[in-house]
């Protein structure tokens, strides 16, 4: 019985250690170009197509292919999607809740008015809020980082 408990303990310790190790994807992170996510999203046009490094807690990971993750901003209720082509980097689900650094290029996606209304409706639904489609009169842009390197910290 003691041998079984010891074996289970070793298995758990080994499994937890695997989850706690630092993970690196792609190229080296450029710490010198680090900027706060809130600063970047406050005036994204100043950072479009420029290489930057951001840091934050991983609050979401693609459950199908690991092709994106979301980092929480330093500002409340704000996050930034880190998106790669399927298979270029595979972000593991167990990275959620850990800190990460990502170096890459900020890109913008222009939504049509119809897409903007759909996007805003989805956000309201997730938050359990009511949504008035007529309040949206202009299309919006969403921003994401296309990384060349990501480091998930232990």
N, C-alpha and C. Protein backbone atom coordinates (compact mmCIF):
# COMPACT_ATOMS: atom_id res chain seq x y z
N UNK A 1 0.83 -1.20 0.00
CA UNK A 1 0.00 0.00 0.00
C UNK A 1 0.87 1.26 0.00
N UNK A 2 1.96 1.25 0.79
CA UNK A 2 2.85 2.40 0.85
C UNK A 2 3.51 2.64 -0.50
N UNK A 3 3.84 1.53 -1.22
CA UNK A 3 4.46 1.67 -2.53
C UNK A 3 3.50 2.31 -3.52
N UNK A 4 2.22 1.95 -3.44
CA UNK A 4 1.22 2.54 -4.35
C UNK A 4 1.07 4.02 -4.07
N UNK A 5 0.98 4.39 -2.80
CA UNK A 5 0.85 5.81 -2.44
C UNK A 5 2.08 6.60 -2.87
N UNK A 6 3.25 6.02 -2.70
CA UNK A 6 4.49 6.67 -3.12
C UNK A 6 4.48 6.87 -4.64
N UNK A 7 4.07 5.84 -5.37
CA UNK A 7 4.00 5.91 -6.83
C UNK A 7 3.03 7.00 -7.28
N UNK A 8 1.87 7.07 -6.66
CA UNK A 8 0.87 8.10 -6.99
C UNK A 8 1.44 9.48 -6.68
N UNK A 9 2.12 9.63 -5.57
CA UNK A 9 2.73 10.90 -5.20
C UNK A 9 3.77 11.35 -6.21
N UNK A 10 4.60 10.41 -6.66
CA UNK A 10 5.62 10.73 -7.66
C UNK A 10 4.95 11.12 -8.99
N UNK A 11 3.90 10.40 -9.36
CA UNK A 11 3.19 10.73 -10.59
C UNK A 11 2.60 12.14 -10.54
N UNK A 12 1.96 12.48 -9.44
CA UNK A 12 1.37 13.81 -9.29
C UNK A 12 2.43 14.90 -9.33
N UNK A 13 3.53 14.68 -8.64
CA UNK A 13 4.61 15.66 -8.61
C UNK A 13 5.19 15.86 -10.00
N UNK A 14 5.40 14.78 -10.72
CA UNK A 14 5.93 14.85 -12.08
C UNK A 14 4.96 15.57 -13.00
N UNK A 15 3.68 15.27 -12.88
CA UNK A 15 2.67 15.92 -13.72
C UNK A 15 2.60 17.41 -13.44
N UNK A 16 2.61 17.79 -12.18
CA UNK A 16 2.56 19.21 -11.82
C UNK A 16 3.80 19.93 -12.29
N UNK A 17 4.95 19.29 -12.22
CA UNK A 17 6.19 19.91 -12.67
C UNK A 17 6.14 20.18 -14.17
N UNK A 18 5.54 19.28 -14.94
CA UNK A 18 5.41 19.46 -16.38
C UNK A 18 4.54 20.67 -16.69
N UNK A 19 3.50 20.89 -15.89
CA UNK A 19 2.62 22.02 -16.10
C UNK A 19 3.28 23.33 -15.68
N UNK A 20 4.23 23.29 -14.77
CA UNK A 20 4.82 24.49 -14.22
C UNK A 20 6.06 24.95 -14.98
N UNK A 21 6.56 24.15 -15.91
CA UNK A 21 7.78 24.54 -16.60
C UNK A 21 7.52 25.68 -17.58
N UNK A 22 8.56 26.45 -17.83
CA UNK A 22 8.48 27.55 -18.78
C UNK A 22 8.37 26.99 -20.19
N UNK A 23 7.49 27.54 -21.00
CA UNK A 23 7.28 27.09 -22.38
C UNK A 23 7.68 28.20 -23.33
N UNK A 24 8.42 27.85 -24.37
CA UNK A 24 8.86 28.83 -25.36
C UNK A 24 8.41 28.40 -26.74
N UNK A 25 7.87 29.34 -27.50
CA UNK A 25 7.40 29.08 -28.86
C UNK A 25 8.04 30.10 -29.79
N UNK A 26 8.53 29.65 -30.93
CA UNK A 26 9.07 30.57 -31.93
C UNK A 26 10.39 31.18 -31.54
N UNK A 27 10.55 32.43 -31.91
CA UNK A 27 11.81 33.15 -31.72
C UNK A 27 11.93 33.71 -30.31
N UNK A 28 13.09 34.30 -30.03
CA UNK A 28 13.37 34.90 -28.73
C UNK A 28 12.50 36.13 -28.50
N UNK A 29 12.08 36.31 -27.27
CA UNK A 29 11.26 37.47 -26.88
C UNK A 29 12.14 38.71 -26.79
N UNK A 30 11.66 39.84 -27.30
CA UNK A 30 12.38 41.10 -27.25
C UNK A 30 11.86 41.92 -26.07
N UNK A 31 12.48 41.76 -24.90
CA UNK A 31 12.03 42.48 -23.70
C UNK A 31 12.20 43.99 -23.80
N UNK A 32 13.11 44.47 -24.65
CA UNK A 32 13.35 45.91 -24.78
C UNK A 32 12.19 46.64 -25.44
N UNK A 33 11.36 45.93 -26.18
CA UNK A 33 10.24 46.57 -26.89
C UNK A 33 8.92 46.37 -26.13
N UNK A 34 9.00 46.04 -24.82
CA UNK A 34 7.78 45.74 -24.07
C UNK A 34 6.93 46.99 -23.83
N UNK A 35 5.63 46.82 -24.03
CA UNK A 35 4.68 47.91 -23.85
C UNK A 35 3.43 47.36 -23.16
N UNK A 36 2.76 48.19 -22.40
CA UNK A 36 1.52 47.76 -21.74
C UNK A 36 0.43 47.59 -22.79
N UNK A 37 -0.37 46.56 -22.61
CA UNK A 37 -1.47 46.31 -23.54
C UNK A 37 -2.43 47.50 -23.58
N UNK A 38 -2.72 48.08 -22.42
CA UNK A 38 -3.65 49.22 -22.37
C UNK A 38 -3.12 50.42 -23.15
N UNK A 39 -1.82 50.67 -23.09
CA UNK A 39 -1.21 51.77 -23.84
C UNK A 39 -1.35 51.53 -25.33
N UNK A 40 -1.08 50.30 -25.74
CA UNK A 40 -1.14 49.96 -27.15
C UNK A 40 -2.57 50.05 -27.68
N UNK A 41 -3.55 49.54 -26.92
CA UNK A 41 -4.93 49.55 -27.39
C UNK A 41 -5.58 50.92 -27.29
N UNK A 42 -5.00 51.83 -26.49
CA UNK A 42 -5.53 53.19 -26.41
C UNK A 42 -5.29 53.96 -27.71
N UNK A 43 -4.19 53.66 -28.39
CA UNK A 43 -3.91 54.28 -29.69
C UNK A 43 -3.23 53.25 -30.61
N UNK A 44 -4.01 52.26 -31.03
CA UNK A 44 -3.43 51.16 -31.80
C UNK A 44 -2.80 51.59 -33.12
N UNK A 45 -3.30 52.66 -33.70
CA UNK A 45 -2.74 53.12 -34.97
C UNK A 45 -1.24 53.45 -34.86
N UNK A 46 -0.77 53.80 -33.66
CA UNK A 46 0.65 54.09 -33.46
C UNK A 46 1.51 52.84 -33.44
N UNK A 47 0.89 51.67 -33.31
CA UNK A 47 1.65 50.42 -33.17
C UNK A 47 1.39 49.43 -34.30
N UNK A 48 0.49 49.76 -35.20
CA UNK A 48 0.18 48.84 -36.30
C UNK A 48 1.43 48.53 -37.11
N UNK A 49 1.60 47.26 -37.41
CA UNK A 49 2.71 46.77 -38.23
C UNK A 49 4.09 47.05 -37.63
N UNK A 50 4.15 47.28 -36.33
CA UNK A 50 5.42 47.45 -35.63
C UNK A 50 5.59 46.29 -34.66
N UNK A 51 6.85 45.88 -34.46
CA UNK A 51 7.10 44.78 -33.55
C UNK A 51 7.12 45.29 -32.10
N UNK A 52 6.32 44.65 -31.26
CA UNK A 52 6.23 45.01 -29.84
C UNK A 52 6.23 43.73 -29.01
N UNK A 53 6.45 43.89 -27.72
CA UNK A 53 6.33 42.79 -26.78
C UNK A 53 5.31 43.18 -25.73
N UNK A 54 4.38 42.29 -25.45
CA UNK A 54 3.36 42.52 -24.42
C UNK A 54 3.45 41.41 -23.38
N UNK A 55 2.92 41.70 -22.21
CA UNK A 55 2.90 40.72 -21.11
C UNK A 55 1.53 40.73 -20.48
N UNK A 56 1.11 39.57 -19.98
CA UNK A 56 -0.16 39.49 -19.29
C UNK A 56 -0.48 38.07 -18.91
N UNK A 57 -1.54 37.92 -18.13
CA UNK A 57 -2.00 36.59 -17.75
C UNK A 57 -2.82 36.00 -18.88
N UNK A 58 -2.60 34.74 -19.15
CA UNK A 58 -3.37 34.04 -20.18
C UNK A 58 -4.77 33.76 -19.62
N UNK A 59 -5.78 34.36 -20.26
CA UNK A 59 -7.15 34.19 -19.79
C UNK A 59 -8.00 33.35 -20.74
N UNK A 60 -7.45 32.99 -21.88
CA UNK A 60 -8.17 32.14 -22.82
C UNK A 60 -7.21 31.46 -23.77
N UNK A 61 -7.54 30.23 -24.16
CA UNK A 61 -6.73 29.47 -25.12
C UNK A 61 -7.68 28.72 -26.04
N UNK A 62 -7.36 28.68 -27.31
CA UNK A 62 -8.15 27.92 -28.29
C UNK A 62 -8.18 26.46 -27.87
N UNK A 63 -9.38 25.92 -27.71
CA UNK A 63 -9.50 24.54 -27.24
C UNK A 63 -9.42 23.52 -28.38
N UNK A 64 -9.47 23.99 -29.61
CA UNK A 64 -9.43 23.05 -30.74
C UNK A 64 -8.02 22.79 -31.24
N UNK A 65 -7.30 23.86 -31.54
CA UNK A 65 -5.98 23.70 -32.14
C UNK A 65 -4.88 24.47 -31.43
N UNK A 66 -5.22 25.20 -30.37
CA UNK A 66 -4.21 25.97 -29.66
C UNK A 66 -3.64 27.10 -30.50
N UNK A 67 -4.42 27.61 -31.46
CA UNK A 67 -3.91 28.60 -32.40
C UNK A 67 -4.04 30.05 -31.92
N UNK A 68 -4.67 30.26 -30.80
CA UNK A 68 -4.74 31.60 -30.23
C UNK A 68 -4.79 31.50 -28.70
N UNK A 69 -4.42 32.59 -28.09
CA UNK A 69 -4.62 32.75 -26.66
C UNK A 69 -4.92 34.22 -26.42
N UNK A 70 -5.54 34.51 -25.29
CA UNK A 70 -5.84 35.89 -24.95
C UNK A 70 -5.10 36.26 -23.69
N UNK A 71 -4.47 37.43 -23.72
CA UNK A 71 -3.76 37.95 -22.55
C UNK A 71 -4.59 39.05 -21.93
N UNK A 72 -4.71 39.00 -20.61
CA UNK A 72 -5.40 40.07 -19.88
C UNK A 72 -4.52 41.31 -19.91
N UNK A 73 -5.14 42.43 -20.10
CA UNK A 73 -4.44 43.70 -20.09
C UNK A 73 -4.20 44.14 -18.66
N UNK A 74 -3.40 45.18 -18.51
CA UNK A 74 -3.22 45.80 -17.20
C UNK A 74 -4.44 46.64 -16.84
N UNK A 75 -5.32 46.91 -17.82
CA UNK A 75 -6.58 47.62 -17.58
C UNK A 75 -7.69 46.59 -17.40
N UNK A 76 -8.61 46.87 -16.50
CA UNK A 76 -9.72 45.94 -16.23
C UNK A 76 -10.57 45.71 -17.48
N UNK A 77 -11.02 44.46 -17.64
CA UNK A 77 -11.95 44.04 -18.70
C UNK A 77 -11.40 44.25 -20.11
N UNK A 78 -10.08 44.30 -20.23
CA UNK A 78 -9.47 44.48 -21.54
C UNK A 78 -8.53 43.30 -21.78
N UNK A 79 -8.50 42.80 -23.00
CA UNK A 79 -7.61 41.69 -23.32
C UNK A 79 -7.16 41.82 -24.76
N UNK A 80 -6.09 41.09 -25.09
CA UNK A 80 -5.52 41.11 -26.43
C UNK A 80 -5.37 39.68 -26.91
N UNK A 81 -5.84 39.42 -28.11
CA UNK A 81 -5.71 38.09 -28.70
C UNK A 81 -4.34 37.95 -29.34
N UNK A 82 -3.69 36.84 -29.07
CA UNK A 82 -2.43 36.47 -29.69
C UNK A 82 -2.79 35.35 -30.67
N UNK A 83 -2.64 35.58 -31.98
CA UNK A 83 -3.16 34.64 -32.99
C UNK A 83 -2.05 34.21 -33.93
N UNK A 84 -1.95 32.88 -34.12
CA UNK A 84 -1.01 32.31 -35.08
C UNK A 84 -1.79 31.47 -36.11
N UNK A 85 -1.13 31.18 -37.23
CA UNK A 85 -1.74 30.24 -38.18
C UNK A 85 -1.78 28.87 -37.52
N UNK A 86 -2.81 28.11 -37.82
CA UNK A 86 -2.95 26.77 -37.25
C UNK A 86 -1.67 25.97 -37.46
N UNK A 87 -1.14 25.45 -36.36
CA UNK A 87 0.04 24.59 -36.42
C UNK A 87 1.36 25.31 -36.27
N UNK A 88 1.41 26.65 -36.47
CA UNK A 88 2.68 27.36 -36.31
C UNK A 88 3.18 27.30 -34.87
N UNK A 89 2.30 27.54 -33.95
CA UNK A 89 2.55 27.39 -32.51
C UNK A 89 1.29 26.76 -31.95
N UNK A 90 1.43 25.92 -30.96
CA UNK A 90 0.26 25.30 -30.35
C UNK A 90 0.29 25.62 -28.86
N UNK A 91 -0.60 26.52 -28.45
CA UNK A 91 -0.66 26.94 -27.05
C UNK A 91 -1.48 25.92 -26.27
N UNK A 92 -0.90 25.33 -25.22
CA UNK A 92 -1.62 24.28 -24.47
C UNK A 92 -2.70 24.88 -23.57
N UNK A 93 -3.77 24.14 -23.40
CA UNK A 93 -4.87 24.59 -22.54
C UNK A 93 -4.41 24.84 -21.11
N UNK A 94 -3.44 24.04 -20.63
CA UNK A 94 -2.99 24.19 -19.24
C UNK A 94 -2.19 25.47 -19.02
N UNK A 95 -1.94 26.25 -20.08
CA UNK A 95 -1.24 27.53 -19.92
C UNK A 95 -2.17 28.61 -19.35
N UNK A 96 -3.47 28.37 -19.43
CA UNK A 96 -4.43 29.35 -18.92
C UNK A 96 -4.17 29.60 -17.44
N UNK A 97 -4.13 30.89 -17.08
CA UNK A 97 -3.87 31.27 -15.69
C UNK A 97 -2.41 31.59 -15.43
N UNK A 98 -1.55 31.35 -16.41
CA UNK A 98 -0.12 31.65 -16.25
C UNK A 98 0.23 32.95 -16.96
N UNK A 99 1.32 33.54 -16.57
CA UNK A 99 1.81 34.76 -17.20
C UNK A 99 2.52 34.42 -18.50
N UNK A 100 2.46 35.33 -19.47
CA UNK A 100 3.13 35.11 -20.75
C UNK A 100 3.66 36.41 -21.31
N UNK A 101 4.68 36.28 -22.13
CA UNK A 101 5.24 37.39 -22.90
C UNK A 101 5.09 37.00 -24.37
N UNK A 102 4.76 37.96 -25.21
CA UNK A 102 4.63 37.69 -26.64
C UNK A 102 5.23 38.85 -27.43
N UNK A 103 6.10 38.52 -28.37
CA UNK A 103 6.68 39.51 -29.28
C UNK A 103 6.09 39.27 -30.66
N UNK A 104 5.60 40.35 -31.26
CA UNK A 104 5.01 40.21 -32.58
C UNK A 104 4.55 41.54 -33.13
N UNK A 105 3.71 41.46 -34.15
CA UNK A 105 3.23 42.63 -34.86
C UNK A 105 1.74 42.80 -34.61
N UNK A 106 1.34 44.02 -34.25
CA UNK A 106 -0.07 44.32 -34.05
C UNK A 106 -0.74 44.49 -35.41
N UNK A 107 -1.85 43.79 -35.58
CA UNK A 107 -2.61 43.92 -36.82
C UNK A 107 -4.06 44.31 -36.49
N UNK A 108 -4.67 45.00 -37.42
CA UNK A 108 -6.06 45.41 -37.24
C UNK A 108 -6.97 44.69 -38.21
N UNK A 109 -8.17 44.39 -37.76
CA UNK A 109 -9.18 43.77 -38.62
C UNK A 109 -10.37 44.71 -38.66
N UNK A 110 -10.66 45.21 -39.86
CA UNK A 110 -11.78 46.13 -40.04
C UNK A 110 -13.06 45.32 -40.17
N UNK A 111 -14.02 45.58 -39.30
CA UNK A 111 -15.31 44.91 -39.38
C UNK A 111 -16.31 45.80 -40.12
N UNK A 112 -17.23 45.17 -40.82
CA UNK A 112 -18.32 45.93 -41.44
C UNK A 112 -19.30 46.32 -40.33
N UNK A 113 -20.27 47.15 -40.66
CA UNK A 113 -21.28 47.55 -39.67
C UNK A 113 -22.04 46.31 -39.18
N UNK A 114 -22.39 45.43 -40.10
CA UNK A 114 -23.11 44.20 -39.73
C UNK A 114 -22.24 43.33 -38.81
N UNK A 115 -20.97 43.15 -39.15
CA UNK A 115 -20.06 42.36 -38.32
C UNK A 115 -19.86 43.00 -36.94
N UNK A 116 -19.80 44.33 -36.92
CA UNK A 116 -19.65 45.05 -35.64
C UNK A 116 -20.85 44.79 -34.74
N UNK A 117 -22.04 44.85 -35.30
CA UNK A 117 -23.25 44.59 -34.51
C UNK A 117 -23.26 43.15 -33.99
N UNK A 118 -22.87 42.20 -34.84
CA UNK A 118 -22.81 40.79 -34.41
C UNK A 118 -21.78 40.61 -33.29
N UNK A 119 -20.62 41.24 -33.45
CA UNK A 119 -19.56 41.15 -32.45
C UNK A 119 -20.02 41.73 -31.11
N UNK A 120 -20.60 42.90 -31.15
CA UNK A 120 -21.09 43.55 -29.92
C UNK A 120 -22.22 42.74 -29.28
N UNK A 121 -23.07 42.13 -30.10
CA UNK A 121 -24.16 41.30 -29.58
C UNK A 121 -23.61 40.07 -28.85
N UNK A 122 -22.57 39.45 -29.42
CA UNK A 122 -21.95 38.29 -28.77
C UNK A 122 -21.34 38.67 -27.42
N UNK A 123 -20.68 39.80 -27.38
CA UNK A 123 -20.06 40.26 -26.13
C UNK A 123 -21.14 40.51 -25.07
N UNK A 124 -22.21 41.17 -25.46
CA UNK A 124 -23.32 41.45 -24.53
C UNK A 124 -23.94 40.15 -24.03
N UNK A 125 -24.11 39.20 -24.92
CA UNK A 125 -24.70 37.91 -24.53
C UNK A 125 -23.82 37.19 -23.51
N UNK A 126 -22.49 37.17 -23.76
CA UNK A 126 -21.56 36.54 -22.82
C UNK A 126 -21.61 37.20 -21.44
N UNK A 127 -21.80 38.51 -21.44
CA UNK A 127 -21.84 39.25 -20.17
C UNK A 127 -23.22 39.25 -19.54
N UNK A 128 -24.22 38.71 -20.24
CA UNK A 128 -25.58 38.68 -19.71
C UNK A 128 -26.24 40.04 -19.75
N UNK A 129 -25.83 40.88 -20.68
CA UNK A 129 -26.37 42.23 -20.81
C UNK A 129 -27.34 42.29 -21.98
N UNK A 130 -28.22 43.28 -21.94
CA UNK A 130 -29.11 43.49 -23.08
C UNK A 130 -28.35 44.29 -24.13
N UNK A 131 -28.73 44.10 -25.36
CA UNK A 131 -28.02 44.76 -26.46
C UNK A 131 -29.01 45.44 -27.39
N UNK A 132 -28.76 46.71 -27.68
CA UNK A 132 -29.59 47.49 -28.60
C UNK A 132 -28.81 47.68 -29.89
N UNK A 133 -29.18 46.93 -30.89
CA UNK A 133 -28.49 46.96 -32.19
C UNK A 133 -28.48 48.34 -32.81
N UNK A 134 -29.52 49.14 -32.56
CA UNK A 134 -29.61 50.48 -33.16
C UNK A 134 -28.60 51.45 -32.56
N UNK A 135 -28.02 51.10 -31.43
CA UNK A 135 -27.01 51.98 -30.81
C UNK A 135 -25.67 51.93 -31.56
N UNK A 136 -25.49 50.94 -32.41
CA UNK A 136 -24.25 50.82 -33.18
C UNK A 136 -24.47 51.45 -34.55
N UNK A 137 -23.73 52.54 -34.81
CA UNK A 137 -23.92 53.26 -36.06
C UNK A 137 -22.67 53.29 -36.93
N UNK A 138 -21.54 52.84 -36.38
CA UNK A 138 -20.29 52.86 -37.15
C UNK A 138 -19.57 51.53 -37.00
N UNK A 139 -18.87 51.11 -38.05
CA UNK A 139 -18.09 49.87 -37.94
C UNK A 139 -16.90 50.07 -37.01
N UNK A 140 -16.36 48.97 -36.54
CA UNK A 140 -15.23 49.06 -35.62
C UNK A 140 -14.08 48.20 -36.13
N UNK A 141 -12.94 48.34 -35.50
CA UNK A 141 -11.77 47.51 -35.78
C UNK A 141 -11.45 46.72 -34.53
N UNK A 142 -10.96 45.51 -34.71
CA UNK A 142 -10.44 44.74 -33.59
C UNK A 142 -8.96 44.50 -33.86
N UNK A 143 -8.20 44.34 -32.81
CA UNK A 143 -6.75 44.23 -32.93
C UNK A 143 -6.27 42.94 -32.30
N UNK A 144 -5.23 42.39 -32.91
CA UNK A 144 -4.61 41.18 -32.37
C UNK A 144 -3.13 41.23 -32.69
N UNK A 145 -2.37 40.44 -31.94
CA UNK A 145 -0.93 40.37 -32.13
C UNK A 145 -0.60 39.09 -32.89
N UNK A 146 0.17 39.23 -33.95
CA UNK A 146 0.68 38.07 -34.70
C UNK A 146 2.10 37.83 -34.19
N UNK A 147 2.29 36.83 -33.36
CA UNK A 147 3.58 36.68 -32.69
C UNK A 147 4.64 35.97 -33.54
N UNK A 148 5.88 36.33 -33.25
CA UNK A 148 7.02 35.57 -33.78
C UNK A 148 7.64 34.75 -32.65
N UNK A 149 7.32 35.14 -31.41
CA UNK A 149 7.82 34.42 -30.26
C UNK A 149 6.91 34.60 -29.06
N UNK A 150 6.73 33.54 -28.28
CA UNK A 150 5.90 33.57 -27.08
C UNK A 150 6.61 32.78 -26.00
N UNK A 151 6.58 33.32 -24.79
CA UNK A 151 7.14 32.61 -23.64
C UNK A 151 6.07 32.56 -22.55
N UNK A 152 5.69 31.33 -22.17
CA UNK A 152 4.75 31.13 -21.08
C UNK A 152 5.60 30.86 -19.84
N UNK A 153 5.44 31.71 -18.85
CA UNK A 153 6.29 31.63 -17.65
C UNK A 153 5.78 30.58 -16.68
N UNK A 154 6.68 30.08 -15.84
CA UNK A 154 6.27 29.03 -14.87
C UNK A 154 5.68 29.62 -13.62
